[in-house]
N, C-alpha and C. Protein backbone atom coordinates (compact mmCIF):
# COMPACT_ATOMS: atom_id res chain seq x y z
N UNK A 1 -24.17 16.18 -60.67
CA UNK A 1 -23.29 15.47 -61.57
C UNK A 1 -23.92 14.15 -61.96
N UNK A 2 -23.62 13.59 -63.14
CA UNK A 2 -24.21 12.32 -63.53
C UNK A 2 -23.68 11.19 -62.67
N UNK A 3 -24.54 10.25 -62.34
CA UNK A 3 -24.14 9.11 -61.54
C UNK A 3 -23.83 7.94 -62.46
N UNK A 4 -22.66 7.37 -62.29
CA UNK A 4 -22.24 6.22 -63.08
C UNK A 4 -22.92 4.98 -62.52
N UNK A 5 -23.72 4.31 -63.32
CA UNK A 5 -24.50 3.18 -62.84
C UNK A 5 -24.11 1.91 -63.56
N UNK A 6 -23.62 0.89 -62.82
CA UNK A 6 -23.28 -0.36 -63.46
C UNK A 6 -24.49 -1.01 -64.12
N UNK A 7 -24.23 -1.88 -65.08
CA UNK A 7 -25.28 -2.57 -65.82
C UNK A 7 -26.18 -3.35 -64.86
N UNK A 8 -27.48 -3.28 -65.07
CA UNK A 8 -28.43 -3.97 -64.21
C UNK A 8 -29.34 -4.84 -65.07
N UNK A 9 -29.65 -6.04 -64.58
CA UNK A 9 -30.51 -6.92 -65.35
C UNK A 9 -31.80 -7.23 -64.58
N UNK A 10 -31.72 -8.05 -63.53
CA UNK A 10 -32.93 -8.55 -62.90
C UNK A 10 -33.25 -7.89 -61.56
N UNK A 11 -32.38 -7.10 -61.03
CA UNK A 11 -32.62 -6.54 -59.71
C UNK A 11 -33.83 -5.63 -59.73
N UNK A 12 -34.57 -5.63 -58.62
CA UNK A 12 -35.74 -4.77 -58.52
C UNK A 12 -35.35 -3.33 -58.27
N UNK A 13 -34.14 -3.10 -57.80
CA UNK A 13 -33.68 -1.73 -57.60
C UNK A 13 -32.31 -1.57 -58.24
N UNK A 14 -32.01 -0.36 -58.65
CA UNK A 14 -30.69 -0.09 -59.23
C UNK A 14 -29.65 -0.10 -58.11
N UNK A 15 -28.39 -0.15 -58.50
CA UNK A 15 -27.35 -0.14 -57.48
C UNK A 15 -27.33 1.19 -56.73
N UNK A 16 -27.68 2.28 -57.42
CA UNK A 16 -27.77 3.58 -56.74
C UNK A 16 -28.87 3.53 -55.68
N UNK A 17 -30.01 2.96 -56.03
CA UNK A 17 -31.10 2.83 -55.07
C UNK A 17 -30.69 1.94 -53.89
N UNK A 18 -29.96 0.88 -54.18
CA UNK A 18 -29.47 0.00 -53.12
C UNK A 18 -28.55 0.75 -52.16
N UNK A 19 -27.63 1.51 -52.72
CA UNK A 19 -26.70 2.28 -51.90
C UNK A 19 -27.45 3.28 -51.04
N UNK A 20 -28.38 4.01 -51.64
CA UNK A 20 -29.09 5.04 -50.88
C UNK A 20 -30.03 4.44 -49.84
N UNK A 21 -30.61 3.29 -50.13
CA UNK A 21 -31.49 2.64 -49.15
C UNK A 21 -30.71 2.22 -47.91
N UNK A 22 -29.50 1.70 -48.11
CA UNK A 22 -28.74 1.13 -47.00
C UNK A 22 -27.74 2.09 -46.37
N UNK A 23 -27.05 2.86 -47.19
CA UNK A 23 -25.95 3.66 -46.69
C UNK A 23 -26.25 5.15 -46.62
N UNK A 24 -27.36 5.58 -47.21
CA UNK A 24 -27.77 6.97 -47.10
C UNK A 24 -27.85 7.68 -48.44
N UNK A 25 -28.54 8.79 -48.42
CA UNK A 25 -28.71 9.61 -49.61
C UNK A 25 -27.37 10.13 -50.12
N UNK A 26 -27.14 10.00 -51.42
CA UNK A 26 -25.90 10.50 -52.01
C UNK A 26 -25.92 12.02 -51.99
N UNK A 27 -24.92 12.61 -51.33
CA UNK A 27 -24.85 14.07 -51.22
C UNK A 27 -23.73 14.67 -52.06
N UNK A 28 -22.70 13.87 -52.34
CA UNK A 28 -21.56 14.34 -53.14
C UNK A 28 -21.01 13.18 -53.94
N UNK A 29 -20.20 13.50 -54.95
CA UNK A 29 -19.56 12.46 -55.72
C UNK A 29 -18.29 12.95 -56.39
N UNK A 30 -17.35 12.03 -56.58
CA UNK A 30 -16.08 12.35 -57.23
C UNK A 30 -15.83 11.30 -58.31
N UNK A 31 -15.37 11.71 -59.48
CA UNK A 31 -15.15 10.80 -60.60
C UNK A 31 -13.67 10.51 -60.78
N UNK A 32 -13.36 9.23 -61.04
CA UNK A 32 -11.98 8.80 -61.22
C UNK A 32 -11.90 7.77 -62.34
N UNK A 33 -10.67 7.46 -62.74
CA UNK A 33 -10.46 6.41 -63.73
C UNK A 33 -9.10 5.79 -63.49
N UNK A 34 -9.05 4.46 -63.47
CA UNK A 34 -7.80 3.73 -63.30
C UNK A 34 -7.73 2.67 -64.39
N UNK A 35 -6.65 2.70 -65.18
CA UNK A 35 -6.49 1.74 -66.29
C UNK A 35 -7.71 1.72 -67.20
N UNK A 36 -8.22 2.91 -67.51
CA UNK A 36 -9.37 3.09 -68.41
C UNK A 36 -10.68 2.55 -67.84
N UNK A 37 -10.72 2.33 -66.52
CA UNK A 37 -11.95 1.88 -65.86
C UNK A 37 -12.51 3.04 -65.04
N UNK A 38 -13.54 3.73 -65.53
CA UNK A 38 -14.10 4.85 -64.77
C UNK A 38 -14.97 4.37 -63.60
N UNK A 39 -14.90 5.10 -62.52
CA UNK A 39 -15.77 4.83 -61.38
C UNK A 39 -15.91 6.11 -60.58
N UNK A 40 -16.82 6.11 -59.64
CA UNK A 40 -17.01 7.26 -58.77
C UNK A 40 -16.91 6.83 -57.31
N UNK A 41 -16.71 7.80 -56.46
CA UNK A 41 -16.86 7.61 -55.02
C UNK A 41 -17.94 8.58 -54.57
N UNK A 42 -18.95 8.06 -53.90
CA UNK A 42 -20.07 8.89 -53.47
C UNK A 42 -20.11 8.97 -51.95
N UNK A 43 -20.50 10.13 -51.46
CA UNK A 43 -20.67 10.35 -50.02
C UNK A 43 -22.15 10.19 -49.69
N UNK A 44 -22.44 9.35 -48.70
CA UNK A 44 -23.83 9.05 -48.34
C UNK A 44 -24.10 9.43 -46.89
N UNK A 45 -25.24 10.05 -46.66
CA UNK A 45 -25.63 10.47 -45.31
C UNK A 45 -27.06 10.03 -45.01
N UNK A 46 -27.35 9.93 -43.70
CA UNK A 46 -28.69 9.59 -43.22
C UNK A 46 -29.14 8.22 -43.70
N UNK A 47 -28.24 7.25 -43.58
CA UNK A 47 -28.57 5.88 -43.95
C UNK A 47 -29.20 5.12 -42.80
N UNK A 48 -29.15 3.80 -42.87
CA UNK A 48 -29.81 2.96 -41.87
C UNK A 48 -29.10 2.96 -40.52
N UNK A 49 -27.84 3.43 -40.47
CA UNK A 49 -27.14 3.58 -39.20
C UNK A 49 -27.04 5.07 -38.89
N UNK A 50 -27.70 5.49 -37.84
CA UNK A 50 -27.80 6.91 -37.51
C UNK A 50 -26.43 7.50 -37.17
N UNK A 51 -26.17 8.71 -37.68
CA UNK A 51 -24.96 9.43 -37.34
C UNK A 51 -23.71 8.97 -38.05
N UNK A 52 -23.87 8.16 -39.10
CA UNK A 52 -22.72 7.62 -39.82
C UNK A 52 -22.71 8.14 -41.26
N UNK A 53 -21.54 8.55 -41.72
CA UNK A 53 -21.32 8.97 -43.10
C UNK A 53 -20.55 7.86 -43.82
N UNK A 54 -20.98 7.51 -45.01
CA UNK A 54 -20.32 6.44 -45.76
C UNK A 54 -19.78 6.97 -47.08
N UNK A 55 -18.63 6.46 -47.46
CA UNK A 55 -18.01 6.75 -48.75
C UNK A 55 -17.94 5.43 -49.51
N UNK A 56 -18.60 5.39 -50.66
CA UNK A 56 -18.76 4.13 -51.38
C UNK A 56 -18.35 4.30 -52.84
N UNK A 57 -17.63 3.33 -53.37
CA UNK A 57 -17.35 3.35 -54.80
C UNK A 57 -18.64 3.04 -55.56
N UNK A 58 -18.70 3.54 -56.78
CA UNK A 58 -19.85 3.30 -57.65
C UNK A 58 -19.32 3.13 -59.07
N UNK A 59 -19.39 1.93 -59.58
CA UNK A 59 -18.84 1.63 -60.90
C UNK A 59 -17.66 0.69 -60.85
N UNK A 60 -17.06 0.51 -59.66
CA UNK A 60 -15.97 -0.46 -59.53
C UNK A 60 -16.47 -1.86 -59.87
N UNK A 61 -17.74 -2.12 -59.58
CA UNK A 61 -18.31 -3.45 -59.83
C UNK A 61 -18.55 -3.74 -61.31
N UNK A 62 -18.27 -2.79 -62.18
CA UNK A 62 -18.32 -3.07 -63.61
C UNK A 62 -17.16 -3.96 -64.05
N UNK A 63 -16.16 -4.08 -63.19
CA UNK A 63 -14.96 -4.85 -63.51
C UNK A 63 -14.94 -6.13 -62.66
N UNK A 64 -14.84 -7.27 -63.32
CA UNK A 64 -14.70 -8.53 -62.61
C UNK A 64 -13.27 -8.72 -62.16
N UNK A 65 -13.08 -8.97 -60.86
CA UNK A 65 -11.75 -9.11 -60.28
C UNK A 65 -11.52 -10.53 -59.78
N UNK A 66 -10.29 -10.96 -59.80
CA UNK A 66 -9.95 -12.32 -59.37
C UNK A 66 -10.02 -12.46 -57.86
N UNK A 67 -10.25 -13.69 -57.43
CA UNK A 67 -10.11 -14.04 -56.02
C UNK A 67 -8.75 -14.68 -55.81
N UNK A 68 -8.11 -14.35 -54.69
CA UNK A 68 -6.80 -14.92 -54.40
C UNK A 68 -6.91 -16.35 -53.87
N UNK A 69 -8.12 -16.82 -53.58
CA UNK A 69 -8.27 -18.13 -52.95
C UNK A 69 -9.13 -19.10 -53.76
N UNK A 70 -9.70 -18.65 -54.88
CA UNK A 70 -10.55 -19.53 -55.68
C UNK A 70 -10.59 -19.02 -57.12
N UNK A 71 -11.17 -19.80 -58.04
CA UNK A 71 -11.28 -19.35 -59.44
C UNK A 71 -12.38 -18.31 -59.64
N UNK A 72 -13.13 -17.99 -58.60
CA UNK A 72 -14.28 -17.10 -58.71
C UNK A 72 -13.88 -15.70 -59.19
N UNK A 73 -14.73 -15.12 -60.03
CA UNK A 73 -14.59 -13.72 -60.42
C UNK A 73 -15.55 -12.91 -59.55
N UNK A 74 -15.04 -11.84 -58.96
CA UNK A 74 -15.80 -11.07 -57.98
C UNK A 74 -16.08 -9.67 -58.51
N UNK A 75 -17.31 -9.24 -58.34
CA UNK A 75 -17.72 -7.88 -58.66
C UNK A 75 -18.03 -7.20 -57.33
N UNK A 76 -17.30 -6.15 -56.98
CA UNK A 76 -17.58 -5.52 -55.69
C UNK A 76 -17.42 -4.01 -55.71
N UNK A 77 -18.05 -3.39 -54.71
CA UNK A 77 -17.87 -1.98 -54.40
C UNK A 77 -17.25 -1.90 -53.02
N UNK A 78 -16.51 -0.83 -52.76
CA UNK A 78 -15.84 -0.65 -51.48
C UNK A 78 -16.55 0.40 -50.66
N UNK A 79 -16.55 0.21 -49.34
CA UNK A 79 -17.30 1.08 -48.44
C UNK A 79 -16.46 1.45 -47.23
N UNK A 80 -16.42 2.74 -46.93
CA UNK A 80 -15.80 3.24 -45.70
C UNK A 80 -16.85 4.04 -44.95
N UNK A 81 -17.11 3.70 -43.70
CA UNK A 81 -18.16 4.36 -42.92
C UNK A 81 -17.59 4.87 -41.60
N UNK A 82 -17.86 6.14 -41.30
CA UNK A 82 -17.31 6.77 -40.10
C UNK A 82 -18.36 7.64 -39.42
N UNK A 83 -18.10 7.92 -38.15
CA UNK A 83 -18.96 8.83 -37.40
C UNK A 83 -19.03 10.18 -38.12
N UNK A 84 -20.24 10.74 -38.20
CA UNK A 84 -20.42 11.99 -38.95
C UNK A 84 -19.63 13.16 -38.38
N UNK A 85 -19.22 13.06 -37.12
CA UNK A 85 -18.46 14.13 -36.49
C UNK A 85 -16.95 13.93 -36.60
N UNK A 86 -16.54 12.82 -37.22
CA UNK A 86 -15.11 12.49 -37.29
C UNK A 86 -14.66 12.16 -38.71
N UNK A 87 -15.29 12.74 -39.69
CA UNK A 87 -14.95 12.42 -41.07
C UNK A 87 -13.53 12.92 -41.39
N UNK A 88 -12.61 12.04 -41.74
CA UNK A 88 -11.24 12.47 -42.03
C UNK A 88 -11.14 13.16 -43.38
N UNK A 89 -10.17 14.06 -43.49
CA UNK A 89 -10.00 14.81 -44.73
C UNK A 89 -9.64 13.90 -45.91
N UNK A 90 -8.99 12.79 -45.62
CA UNK A 90 -8.54 11.91 -46.70
C UNK A 90 -9.44 10.70 -46.90
N UNK A 91 -10.70 10.80 -46.47
CA UNK A 91 -11.62 9.65 -46.60
C UNK A 91 -11.75 9.21 -48.05
N UNK A 92 -11.98 10.15 -48.95
CA UNK A 92 -12.14 9.81 -50.38
C UNK A 92 -10.83 9.25 -50.93
N UNK A 93 -9.72 9.85 -50.54
CA UNK A 93 -8.41 9.41 -51.03
C UNK A 93 -8.11 7.97 -50.60
N UNK A 94 -8.51 7.61 -49.38
CA UNK A 94 -8.26 6.25 -48.90
C UNK A 94 -9.07 5.24 -49.71
N UNK A 95 -10.36 5.53 -49.91
CA UNK A 95 -11.19 4.62 -50.70
C UNK A 95 -10.66 4.52 -52.13
N UNK A 96 -10.25 5.65 -52.70
CA UNK A 96 -9.69 5.65 -54.05
C UNK A 96 -8.43 4.79 -54.13
N UNK A 97 -7.59 4.88 -53.12
CA UNK A 97 -6.36 4.09 -53.14
C UNK A 97 -6.66 2.59 -53.16
N UNK A 98 -7.60 2.17 -52.34
CA UNK A 98 -7.96 0.75 -52.31
C UNK A 98 -8.62 0.32 -53.63
N UNK A 99 -9.45 1.19 -54.19
CA UNK A 99 -10.09 0.87 -55.47
C UNK A 99 -9.05 0.78 -56.58
N UNK A 100 -8.15 1.75 -56.63
CA UNK A 100 -7.11 1.74 -57.67
C UNK A 100 -6.20 0.53 -57.53
N UNK A 101 -5.86 0.16 -56.29
CA UNK A 101 -5.01 -1.01 -56.07
C UNK A 101 -5.70 -2.28 -56.55
N UNK A 102 -7.01 -2.37 -56.31
CA UNK A 102 -7.75 -3.55 -56.76
C UNK A 102 -7.76 -3.63 -58.29
N UNK A 103 -8.00 -2.50 -58.94
CA UNK A 103 -8.01 -2.47 -60.40
C UNK A 103 -6.63 -2.76 -60.98
N UNK A 104 -5.61 -2.19 -60.37
CA UNK A 104 -4.25 -2.37 -60.88
C UNK A 104 -3.78 -3.82 -60.72
N UNK A 105 -4.15 -4.45 -59.61
CA UNK A 105 -3.72 -5.82 -59.35
C UNK A 105 -4.64 -6.85 -59.99
N UNK A 106 -5.87 -6.41 -60.31
CA UNK A 106 -6.92 -7.28 -60.84
C UNK A 106 -7.41 -8.29 -59.80
N UNK A 107 -7.20 -7.98 -58.51
CA UNK A 107 -7.66 -8.85 -57.43
C UNK A 107 -8.63 -8.12 -56.51
N UNK A 108 -9.70 -8.81 -56.14
CA UNK A 108 -10.70 -8.24 -55.25
C UNK A 108 -10.24 -8.30 -53.79
N UNK A 109 -10.83 -7.45 -52.97
CA UNK A 109 -10.64 -7.53 -51.53
C UNK A 109 -11.62 -8.57 -50.98
N UNK A 110 -11.13 -9.47 -50.15
CA UNK A 110 -11.92 -10.61 -49.68
C UNK A 110 -12.30 -10.46 -48.21
N UNK A 111 -13.36 -11.16 -47.82
CA UNK A 111 -13.80 -11.15 -46.44
C UNK A 111 -12.67 -11.56 -45.49
N UNK A 112 -12.49 -10.78 -44.45
CA UNK A 112 -11.46 -10.98 -43.41
C UNK A 112 -10.04 -10.70 -43.90
N UNK A 113 -9.90 -10.15 -45.09
CA UNK A 113 -8.57 -9.78 -45.56
C UNK A 113 -8.03 -8.61 -44.74
N UNK A 114 -6.76 -8.65 -44.45
CA UNK A 114 -6.08 -7.58 -43.72
C UNK A 114 -5.15 -6.85 -44.68
N UNK A 115 -5.27 -5.55 -44.73
CA UNK A 115 -4.42 -4.75 -45.62
C UNK A 115 -3.69 -3.72 -44.78
N UNK A 116 -2.40 -3.92 -44.64
CA UNK A 116 -1.59 -3.02 -43.82
C UNK A 116 -1.03 -1.90 -44.69
N UNK A 117 -0.92 -0.73 -44.09
CA UNK A 117 -0.41 0.43 -44.80
C UNK A 117 0.91 0.88 -44.21
N UNK A 118 1.70 1.58 -45.03
CA UNK A 118 2.88 2.24 -44.50
C UNK A 118 2.41 3.50 -43.78
N UNK A 119 2.74 3.62 -42.51
CA UNK A 119 2.25 4.76 -41.74
C UNK A 119 0.83 4.51 -41.28
N UNK A 120 0.08 5.58 -41.07
CA UNK A 120 -1.28 5.46 -40.55
C UNK A 120 -2.30 5.64 -41.68
N UNK A 121 -3.52 5.15 -41.43
CA UNK A 121 -4.58 5.24 -42.43
C UNK A 121 -5.09 6.68 -42.52
N UNK A 122 -5.31 7.30 -41.35
CA UNK A 122 -5.82 8.67 -41.28
C UNK A 122 -4.89 9.52 -40.44
N UNK A 123 -4.71 10.77 -40.83
CA UNK A 123 -3.90 11.69 -40.03
C UNK A 123 -4.51 11.85 -38.65
N UNK A 124 -3.65 11.95 -37.64
CA UNK A 124 -4.06 12.17 -36.25
C UNK A 124 -4.79 10.97 -35.64
N UNK A 125 -4.74 9.83 -36.29
CA UNK A 125 -5.32 8.60 -35.74
C UNK A 125 -4.32 7.47 -35.98
N UNK A 126 -4.28 6.50 -35.07
CA UNK A 126 -3.22 5.50 -35.09
C UNK A 126 -3.60 4.19 -35.78
N UNK A 127 -4.66 4.20 -36.56
CA UNK A 127 -5.01 2.99 -37.31
C UNK A 127 -3.93 2.71 -38.36
N UNK A 128 -3.47 1.45 -38.40
CA UNK A 128 -2.38 1.10 -39.31
C UNK A 128 -2.80 0.16 -40.43
N UNK A 129 -4.06 -0.29 -40.41
CA UNK A 129 -4.51 -1.27 -41.40
C UNK A 129 -6.02 -1.20 -41.52
N UNK A 130 -6.55 -1.92 -42.51
CA UNK A 130 -8.00 -2.10 -42.59
C UNK A 130 -8.30 -3.59 -42.62
N UNK A 131 -9.44 -3.91 -42.07
CA UNK A 131 -9.97 -5.27 -42.03
C UNK A 131 -11.20 -5.27 -42.92
N UNK A 132 -11.29 -6.19 -43.85
CA UNK A 132 -12.38 -6.20 -44.83
C UNK A 132 -13.51 -7.11 -44.34
N UNK A 133 -14.72 -6.55 -44.27
CA UNK A 133 -15.89 -7.29 -43.79
C UNK A 133 -17.12 -6.90 -44.61
N UNK A 134 -18.17 -7.72 -44.57
CA UNK A 134 -19.46 -7.24 -45.08
C UNK A 134 -19.95 -6.12 -44.17
N UNK A 135 -20.79 -5.23 -44.66
CA UNK A 135 -21.26 -4.10 -43.84
C UNK A 135 -22.34 -4.55 -42.85
N UNK A 136 -21.93 -5.31 -41.84
CA UNK A 136 -22.86 -6.03 -40.96
C UNK A 136 -23.82 -5.11 -40.20
N UNK A 137 -23.37 -3.92 -39.84
CA UNK A 137 -24.22 -3.03 -39.06
C UNK A 137 -25.35 -2.42 -39.89
N UNK A 138 -25.27 -2.54 -41.19
CA UNK A 138 -26.30 -2.00 -42.07
C UNK A 138 -27.36 -3.05 -42.44
N UNK A 139 -27.22 -4.25 -41.91
CA UNK A 139 -28.20 -5.31 -42.17
C UNK A 139 -27.79 -6.22 -43.31
N UNK A 140 -28.32 -7.44 -43.28
CA UNK A 140 -27.96 -8.45 -44.27
C UNK A 140 -28.25 -8.02 -45.70
N UNK A 141 -29.32 -7.26 -45.89
CA UNK A 141 -29.69 -6.86 -47.25
C UNK A 141 -28.68 -5.92 -47.89
N UNK A 142 -27.84 -5.30 -47.05
CA UNK A 142 -26.84 -4.37 -47.58
C UNK A 142 -25.64 -5.08 -48.18
N UNK A 143 -25.49 -6.37 -47.89
CA UNK A 143 -24.26 -7.08 -48.25
C UNK A 143 -24.04 -7.15 -49.76
N UNK A 144 -25.12 -7.28 -50.52
CA UNK A 144 -24.94 -7.47 -51.97
C UNK A 144 -26.12 -6.89 -52.73
N UNK A 145 -25.86 -6.63 -54.01
CA UNK A 145 -26.90 -6.16 -54.94
C UNK A 145 -26.93 -7.13 -56.10
N UNK A 146 -28.08 -7.69 -56.36
CA UNK A 146 -28.20 -8.72 -57.39
C UNK A 146 -28.30 -8.12 -58.79
N UNK A 147 -27.72 -8.84 -59.75
CA UNK A 147 -27.92 -8.49 -61.15
C UNK A 147 -26.98 -7.46 -61.71
N UNK A 148 -25.78 -7.35 -61.15
CA UNK A 148 -24.79 -6.40 -61.67
C UNK A 148 -23.73 -7.15 -62.44
N UNK A 149 -23.36 -6.62 -63.60
CA UNK A 149 -22.28 -7.22 -64.37
C UNK A 149 -22.76 -8.34 -65.27
N UNK A 150 -21.83 -9.04 -65.84
CA UNK A 150 -22.16 -10.10 -66.80
C UNK A 150 -22.78 -11.31 -66.09
N UNK A 151 -23.65 -12.00 -66.79
CA UNK A 151 -24.27 -13.24 -66.32
C UNK A 151 -25.06 -13.04 -65.03
N UNK A 152 -25.53 -11.83 -64.80
CA UNK A 152 -26.38 -11.55 -63.64
C UNK A 152 -25.73 -11.92 -62.31
N UNK A 153 -24.45 -11.77 -62.20
CA UNK A 153 -23.77 -12.07 -60.94
C UNK A 153 -24.05 -10.97 -59.92
N UNK A 154 -23.78 -11.26 -58.68
CA UNK A 154 -24.01 -10.30 -57.61
C UNK A 154 -22.84 -9.34 -57.48
N UNK A 155 -23.16 -8.13 -57.09
CA UNK A 155 -22.14 -7.18 -56.64
C UNK A 155 -22.16 -7.22 -55.13
N UNK A 156 -21.02 -7.45 -54.50
CA UNK A 156 -20.94 -7.44 -53.05
C UNK A 156 -20.32 -6.13 -52.58
N UNK A 157 -20.58 -5.79 -51.33
CA UNK A 157 -20.04 -4.57 -50.74
C UNK A 157 -19.00 -4.94 -49.70
N UNK A 158 -17.78 -4.45 -49.87
CA UNK A 158 -16.67 -4.74 -48.98
C UNK A 158 -16.43 -3.54 -48.07
N UNK A 159 -16.67 -3.73 -46.79
CA UNK A 159 -16.55 -2.66 -45.80
C UNK A 159 -15.11 -2.61 -45.30
N UNK A 160 -14.50 -1.45 -45.39
CA UNK A 160 -13.12 -1.24 -44.94
C UNK A 160 -13.15 -0.75 -43.50
N UNK A 161 -12.75 -1.61 -42.57
CA UNK A 161 -12.79 -1.30 -41.14
C UNK A 161 -11.40 -0.92 -40.66
N UNK A 162 -11.16 0.33 -40.25
CA UNK A 162 -9.84 0.71 -39.76
C UNK A 162 -9.52 0.00 -38.44
N UNK A 163 -8.32 -0.55 -38.33
CA UNK A 163 -7.91 -1.24 -37.10
C UNK A 163 -6.50 -0.81 -36.69
N UNK A 164 -6.22 -1.00 -35.40
CA UNK A 164 -4.92 -0.66 -34.85
C UNK A 164 -3.93 -1.80 -35.09
N UNK A 165 -2.64 -1.49 -34.92
CA UNK A 165 -1.60 -2.49 -35.10
C UNK A 165 -1.79 -3.65 -34.12
N UNK A 166 -2.20 -3.33 -32.89
CA UNK A 166 -2.43 -4.39 -31.89
C UNK A 166 -3.58 -5.30 -32.32
N UNK A 167 -4.60 -4.73 -32.93
CA UNK A 167 -5.74 -5.53 -33.41
C UNK A 167 -5.35 -6.36 -34.63
N UNK A 168 -4.54 -5.78 -35.48
CA UNK A 168 -4.01 -6.50 -36.64
C UNK A 168 -3.26 -7.75 -36.18
N UNK A 169 -2.38 -7.57 -35.20
CA UNK A 169 -1.62 -8.70 -34.67
C UNK A 169 -2.51 -9.75 -34.03
N UNK A 170 -3.55 -9.29 -33.35
CA UNK A 170 -4.47 -10.22 -32.68
C UNK A 170 -5.20 -11.08 -33.72
N UNK A 171 -5.66 -10.46 -34.79
CA UNK A 171 -6.35 -11.22 -35.84
C UNK A 171 -5.40 -12.23 -36.48
N UNK A 172 -4.18 -11.82 -36.74
CA UNK A 172 -3.20 -12.74 -37.33
C UNK A 172 -2.93 -13.93 -36.41
N UNK A 173 -2.86 -13.67 -35.10
CA UNK A 173 -2.52 -14.73 -34.14
C UNK A 173 -3.71 -15.60 -33.75
N UNK A 174 -4.90 -15.00 -33.69
CA UNK A 174 -6.06 -15.70 -33.12
C UNK A 174 -7.22 -15.91 -34.09
N UNK A 175 -7.17 -15.23 -35.22
CA UNK A 175 -8.23 -15.38 -36.20
C UNK A 175 -9.29 -14.30 -36.11
N UNK A 176 -10.03 -14.13 -37.20
CA UNK A 176 -11.04 -13.08 -37.27
C UNK A 176 -12.22 -13.35 -36.34
N UNK A 177 -12.60 -14.62 -36.18
CA UNK A 177 -13.73 -14.94 -35.31
C UNK A 177 -13.46 -14.52 -33.87
N UNK A 178 -12.24 -14.74 -33.41
CA UNK A 178 -11.89 -14.36 -32.04
C UNK A 178 -11.93 -12.85 -31.88
N UNK A 179 -11.49 -12.12 -32.91
CA UNK A 179 -11.52 -10.66 -32.84
C UNK A 179 -12.96 -10.15 -32.86
N UNK A 180 -13.80 -10.77 -33.68
CA UNK A 180 -15.21 -10.39 -33.70
C UNK A 180 -15.85 -10.58 -32.33
N UNK A 181 -15.47 -11.65 -31.64
CA UNK A 181 -16.00 -11.90 -30.30
C UNK A 181 -15.56 -10.79 -29.34
N UNK A 182 -14.32 -10.34 -29.47
CA UNK A 182 -13.85 -9.22 -28.65
C UNK A 182 -14.70 -7.98 -28.90
N UNK A 183 -14.95 -7.69 -30.16
CA UNK A 183 -15.76 -6.51 -30.50
C UNK A 183 -17.17 -6.63 -29.93
N UNK A 184 -17.76 -7.81 -30.06
CA UNK A 184 -19.13 -8.02 -29.59
C UNK A 184 -19.24 -7.87 -28.08
N UNK A 185 -18.17 -8.20 -27.37
CA UNK A 185 -18.18 -8.13 -25.91
C UNK A 185 -17.70 -6.79 -25.38
N UNK A 186 -17.40 -5.87 -26.27
CA UNK A 186 -16.93 -4.54 -25.87
C UNK A 186 -18.01 -3.51 -26.19
N UNK A 187 -17.78 -2.31 -25.72
CA UNK A 187 -18.72 -1.21 -26.01
C UNK A 187 -18.15 -0.28 -27.08
N UNK A 188 -17.16 -0.77 -27.82
CA UNK A 188 -16.47 0.04 -28.82
C UNK A 188 -17.40 0.36 -29.99
N UNK A 189 -17.36 1.61 -30.42
CA UNK A 189 -18.08 2.06 -31.61
C UNK A 189 -17.11 1.96 -32.79
N UNK A 190 -17.31 0.99 -33.66
CA UNK A 190 -16.36 0.76 -34.75
C UNK A 190 -16.38 1.88 -35.79
N UNK A 191 -17.38 2.74 -35.75
CA UNK A 191 -17.44 3.86 -36.69
C UNK A 191 -16.66 5.08 -36.18
N UNK A 192 -16.27 5.05 -34.92
CA UNK A 192 -15.58 6.19 -34.31
C UNK A 192 -14.07 6.10 -34.54
N UNK A 193 -13.50 7.15 -35.09
CA UNK A 193 -12.05 7.17 -35.29
C UNK A 193 -11.31 7.50 -34.01
N UNK A 194 -12.02 7.90 -32.98
CA UNK A 194 -11.39 8.20 -31.70
C UNK A 194 -11.50 7.03 -30.73
N UNK A 195 -11.98 5.89 -31.22
CA UNK A 195 -12.11 4.72 -30.35
C UNK A 195 -10.74 4.21 -29.93
N UNK A 196 -10.73 3.40 -28.87
CA UNK A 196 -9.50 2.77 -28.42
C UNK A 196 -9.45 1.33 -28.93
N UNK A 197 -8.27 0.77 -28.92
CA UNK A 197 -8.11 -0.62 -29.34
C UNK A 197 -8.83 -1.54 -28.36
N UNK A 198 -9.43 -2.61 -28.88
CA UNK A 198 -10.07 -3.59 -28.00
C UNK A 198 -9.07 -4.63 -27.51
N UNK A 199 -7.84 -4.54 -27.98
CA UNK A 199 -6.78 -5.46 -27.56
C UNK A 199 -5.88 -4.75 -26.57
N UNK A 200 -5.73 -5.30 -25.39
CA UNK A 200 -4.90 -4.68 -24.34
C UNK A 200 -3.42 -4.67 -24.73
């Protein structure tokens, strides 16, 4: 199927090349449109993190979205990454929902933003929200792709991290830095949907 590629100006690699270098070779893709804004979600395998499958929007960054905390206009793609043995049936649907919500609201997802859902994120798993972060486990170079959109602005990648209700409450009460410290001091695999909460 044809790959929808956002406008590129000065970057040495296309956004497709950036995605495949960091998150894995594109093996599948699905096409969508929200409010006349077409985009795709691509499935990536065999990326820089072994044993992880990623689902990434492609084309969402063609639309500049508002920031809720500053006048900045943000161009971003969304990323969901899970253990290759635990890929949920609704992985694409979840990414699509967040992408459609961003387009409908005209607001980008921001670093450390918490998005709570009604019910659970995935069937048979008790995650109740997502925490938005840069894709830190894929390396600093994965965080953004230069030269996408108008005026050569950067496209950033927003990683959707599924979290439990107890973890959501901990972040609200203690802050994201404190939660990151908990994760760093634990042996939890954040890509595993069968992981346990790091909050007692």
